[in-house]
Amino acid sequence: MNELDGLIPSWLTLPDVARVLDVEVSRVRRLIDEGELVAVRRGDPVVRSVPADLLLDGDIAPHLGGTITVLRDGGFEDEELLRWLFTEDETLPGRPIDHLRRGQRGEVRRRAQALAF
């Protein structure tokens, strides 16, 4: 998990995510179960946490859910999926999550689909 901590500077607990989205924690759990958000167990004590950059302006980053679906369909586990989203790619250029936060899903999705094959 240390590798993810090196890639992802800021994490939110599920109650923190609920406050940002202005919903109940049970809704955050459903969003995770439905693949709209990704959470991993980390920290001490170990709690489910969501990278803060998956949220933008009080909402979930644009096109995140569909990208999560493509990556999971391609066989990615949640930790691998987060590693890919938050790793710099010179050919993109930048991190896939930054492109999604700007609403630029096309090239990110193409690359995610290519990884599945």
C-alpha atoms as a PDB file:
ATOM      1  CA  MET A   1       0.000   0.000   0.000  1.00  0.00           C
ATOM      2  CA  ASN A   2       3.021   2.278   0.447  1.00  0.00           C
ATOM      3  CA  GLU A   3       3.321   2.608  -3.326  1.00  0.00           C
ATOM      4  CA  LEU A   4      -0.191   4.072  -3.478  1.00  0.00           C
ATOM      5  CA  ASP A   5       0.678   6.494  -0.678  1.00  0.00           C
ATOM      6  CA  GLY A   6       3.572   7.712  -2.826  1.00  0.00           C
ATOM      7  CA  LEU A   7       1.254   8.277  -5.811  1.00  0.00           C
ATOM      8  CA  ILE A   8      -1.794   9.608  -3.977  1.00  0.00           C
ATOM      9  CA  PRO A   9      -1.063  12.552  -1.686  1.00  0.00           C
ATOM     10  CA  SER A  10      -4.457  12.944  -0.021  1.00  0.00           C
ATOM     11  CA  TRP A  11      -7.015  10.430   1.201  1.00  0.00           C
ATOM     12  CA  LEU A  12     -10.497  10.758   2.677  1.00  0.00           C
ATOM     13  CA  THR A  13     -12.284   8.372   5.027  1.00  0.00           C
ATOM     14  CA  LEU A  14     -15.830   7.392   4.093  1.00  0.00           C
ATOM     15  CA  PRO A  15     -17.345   9.885   6.573  1.00  0.00           C
ATOM     16  CA  ASP A  16     -15.162  12.613   5.003  1.00  0.00           C
ATOM     17  CA  VAL A  17     -16.379  11.631   1.521  1.00  0.00           C
ATOM     18  CA  ALA A  18     -19.959  11.757   2.798  1.00  0.00           C
ATOM     19  CA  ARG A  19     -19.410  15.327   4.051  1.00  0.00           C
ATOM     20  CA  VAL A  20     -17.886  16.447   0.738  1.00  0.00           C
ATOM     21  CA  LEU A  21     -20.726  14.901  -1.281  1.00  0.00           C
ATOM     22  CA  ASP A  22     -23.359  15.956   1.280  1.00  0.00           C
ATOM     23  CA  VAL A  23     -24.761  12.438   1.553  1.00  0.00           C
ATOM     24  CA  GLU A  24     -25.004   9.735   4.220  1.00  0.00           C
ATOM     25  CA  VAL A  25     -22.090   7.316   4.698  1.00  0.00           C
ATOM     26  CA  SER A  26     -24.390   4.502   3.541  1.00  0.00           C
ATOM     27  CA  ARG A  27     -24.703   6.301   0.173  1.00  0.00           C
ATOM     28  CA  VAL A  28     -20.898   6.490  -0.094  1.00  0.00           C
ATOM     29  CA  ARG A  29     -20.720   2.731   0.498  1.00  0.00           C
ATOM     30  CA  ARG A  30     -23.288   2.197  -2.278  1.00  0.00           C
ATOM     31  CA  LEU A  31     -21.300   4.439  -4.652  1.00  0.00           C
ATOM     32  CA  ILE A  32     -18.255   2.259  -3.957  1.00  0.00           C
ATOM     33  CA  ASP A  33     -20.247  -0.963  -4.412  1.00  0.00           C
ATOM     34  CA  GLU A  34     -21.724   0.386  -7.667  1.00  0.00           C
ATOM     35  CA  GLY A  35     -18.278   1.279  -9.033  1.00  0.00           C
ATOM     36  CA  GLU A  36     -18.724   5.052  -9.011  1.00  0.00           C
ATOM     37  CA  LEU A  37     -15.899   5.415  -6.467  1.00  0.00           C
ATOM     38  CA  VAL A  38     -12.961   3.264  -5.343  1.00  0.00           C
ATOM     39  CA  ALA A  39     -11.879   2.732  -1.751  1.00  0.00           C
ATOM     40  CA  VAL A  40      -8.997   0.706  -0.343  1.00  0.00           C
ATOM     41  CA  ARG A  41      -8.144  -0.289   3.198  1.00  0.00           C
ATOM     42  CA  ARG A  42      -5.187   1.695   4.543  1.00  0.00           C
ATOM     43  CA  GLY A  43      -3.832   3.589   7.508  1.00  0.00           C
ATOM     44  CA  ASP A  44      -3.507   2.840  11.183  1.00  0.00           C
ATOM     45  CA  PRO A  45      -6.073   1.921  12.270  1.00  0.00           C
ATOM     46  CA  VAL A  46      -6.988   0.396   8.929  1.00  0.00           C
ATOM     47  CA  VAL A  47     -10.039   2.111   7.417  1.00  0.00           C
ATOM     48  CA  ARG A  48     -11.553   2.285   3.951  1.00  0.00           C
ATOM     49  CA  SER A  49     -10.242   5.411   2.246  1.00  0.00           C
ATOM     50  CA  VAL A  50     -10.898   7.161  -1.067  1.00  0.00           C
ATOM     51  CA  PRO A  51      -8.299   9.273  -2.902  1.00  0.00           C
ATOM     52  CA  ALA A  52      -9.348  12.922  -2.494  1.00  0.00           C
ATOM     53  CA  ASP A  53      -8.697  13.586  -6.200  1.00  0.00           C
ATOM     54  CA  LEU A  54     -11.600  11.303  -7.138  1.00  0.00           C
ATOM     55  CA  LEU A  55     -13.833  14.145  -5.957  1.00  0.00           C
ATOM     56  CA  LEU A  56     -14.135  17.551  -7.578  1.00  0.00           C
ATOM     57  CA  ASP A  57     -16.210  20.550  -6.497  1.00  0.00           C
ATOM     58  CA  GLY A  58     -18.450  18.562  -4.150  1.00  0.00           C
ATOM     59  CA  ASP A  59     -19.090  15.759  -6.646  1.00  0.00           C
ATOM     60  CA  ILE A  60     -17.412  12.702  -8.127  1.00  0.00           C
ATOM     61  CA  ALA A  61     -14.864  13.541 -10.838  1.00  0.00           C
ATOM     62  CA  PRO A  62     -16.420  13.456 -14.334  1.00  0.00           C
ATOM     63  CA  HIS A  63     -16.358  10.131 -16.184  1.00  0.00           C
ATOM     64  CA  LEU A  64     -14.784   8.307 -13.239  1.00  0.00           C
ATOM     65  CA  GLY A  65     -17.465   5.609 -12.936  1.00  0.00           C
ATOM     66  CA  GLY A  66     -17.242   4.548 -16.569  1.00  0.00           C
ATOM     67  CA  THR A  67     -13.462   4.453 -16.423  1.00  0.00           C
ATOM     68  CA  ILE A  68     -13.580   2.314 -13.267  1.00  0.00           C
ATOM     69  CA  THR A  69     -15.935  -0.078 -15.087  1.00  0.00           C
ATOM     70  CA  VAL A  70     -13.622  -0.354 -18.108  1.00  0.00           C
ATOM     71  CA  LEU A  71     -10.604  -1.064 -15.903  1.00  0.00           C
ATOM     72  CA  ARG A  72     -12.437  -3.602 -13.730  1.00  0.00           C
ATOM     73  CA  ASP A  73     -13.790  -5.316 -16.837  1.00  0.00           C
ATOM     74  CA  GLY A  74     -10.167  -5.492 -17.982  1.00  0.00           C
ATOM     75  CA  GLY A  75      -9.251  -7.439 -14.864  1.00  0.00           C
ATOM     76  CA  PHE A  76      -7.867  -4.645 -12.709  1.00  0.00           C
ATOM     77  CA  GLU A  77      -8.164  -4.946  -8.937  1.00  0.00           C
ATOM     78  CA  ASP A  78      -8.895  -1.708  -7.081  1.00  0.00           C
ATOM     79  CA  GLU A  79      -5.289  -1.075  -6.010  1.00  0.00           C
ATOM     80  CA  GLU A  80      -4.037  -1.651  -9.586  1.00  0.00           C
ATOM     81  CA  LEU A  81      -6.783   0.604 -10.926  1.00  0.00           C
ATOM     82  CA  LEU A  82      -5.762   3.429  -8.571  1.00  0.00           C
ATOM     83  CA  ARG A  83      -2.089   2.918  -9.415  1.00  0.00           C
ATOM     84  CA  TRP A  84      -2.915   3.342 -13.126  1.00  0.00           C
ATOM     85  CA  LEU A  85      -5.129   6.394 -12.577  1.00  0.00           C
ATOM     86  CA  PHE A  86      -2.503   8.178 -10.485  1.00  0.00           C
ATOM     87  CA  THR A  87       0.692   7.257 -12.387  1.00  0.00           C
ATOM     88  CA  GLU A  88       2.257   9.842 -14.714  1.00  0.00           C
ATOM     89  CA  ASP A  89       2.096   8.860 -18.392  1.00  0.00           C
ATOM     90  CA  GLU A  90       4.363  10.923 -20.644  1.00  0.00           C
ATOM     91  CA  THR A  91       2.395   9.927 -23.724  1.00  0.00           C
ATOM     92  CA  LEU A  92      -0.897  11.230 -22.303  1.00  0.00           C
ATOM     93  CA  PRO A  93       0.782  13.518 -20.916  1.00  0.00           C
ATOM     94  CA  GLY A  94       0.123  13.555 -17.192  1.00  0.00           C
ATOM     95  CA  ARG A  95      -1.924  11.341 -14.913  1.00  0.00           C
ATOM     96  CA  PRO A  96      -5.166   9.795 -16.191  1.00  0.00           C
ATOM     97  CA  ILE A  97      -7.033  11.137 -13.127  1.00  0.00           C
ATOM     98  CA  ASP A  98      -6.059  14.711 -14.038  1.00  0.00           C
ATOM     99  CA  HIS A  99      -7.532  14.280 -17.514  1.00  0.00           C
ATOM    100  CA  LEU A 100     -10.767  12.917 -16.045  1.00  0.00           C
ATOM    101  CA  ARG A 101     -10.946  15.846 -13.595  1.00  0.00           C
ATOM    102  CA  ARG A 102     -10.799  18.169 -16.628  1.00  0.00           C
ATOM    103  CA  GLY A 103     -13.616  16.218 -18.282  1.00  0.00           C
ATOM    104  CA  GLN A 104     -11.296  14.689 -20.894  1.00  0.00           C
ATOM    105  CA  ARG A 105     -12.288  11.055 -20.967  1.00  0.00           C
ATOM    106  CA  GLY A 106     -11.638  10.019 -24.588  1.00  0.00           C
ATOM    107  CA  GLU A 107      -7.924   9.230 -24.549  1.00  0.00           C
ATOM    108  CA  VAL A 108      -8.080   7.921 -20.966  1.00  0.00           C
ATOM    109  CA  ARG A 109     -10.829   5.442 -21.900  1.00  0.00           C
ATOM    110  CA  ARG A 110      -9.013   4.365 -25.078  1.00  0.00           C
ATOM    111  CA  ARG A 111      -5.915   3.573 -23.040  1.00  0.00           C
ATOM    112  CA  ALA A 112      -7.951   1.796 -20.351  1.00  0.00           C
ATOM    113  CA  GLN A 113      -9.661  -0.358 -23.000  1.00  0.00           C
ATOM    114  CA  ALA A 114      -6.315  -1.166 -24.635  1.00  0.00           C
ATOM    115  CA  LEU A 115      -4.987  -2.436 -21.305  1.00  0.00           C
ATOM    116  CA  ALA A 116      -7.801  -4.965 -21.179  1.00  0.00           C
ATOM    117  CA  PHE A 117      -6.605  -6.763 -24.295  1.00  0.00           C
END
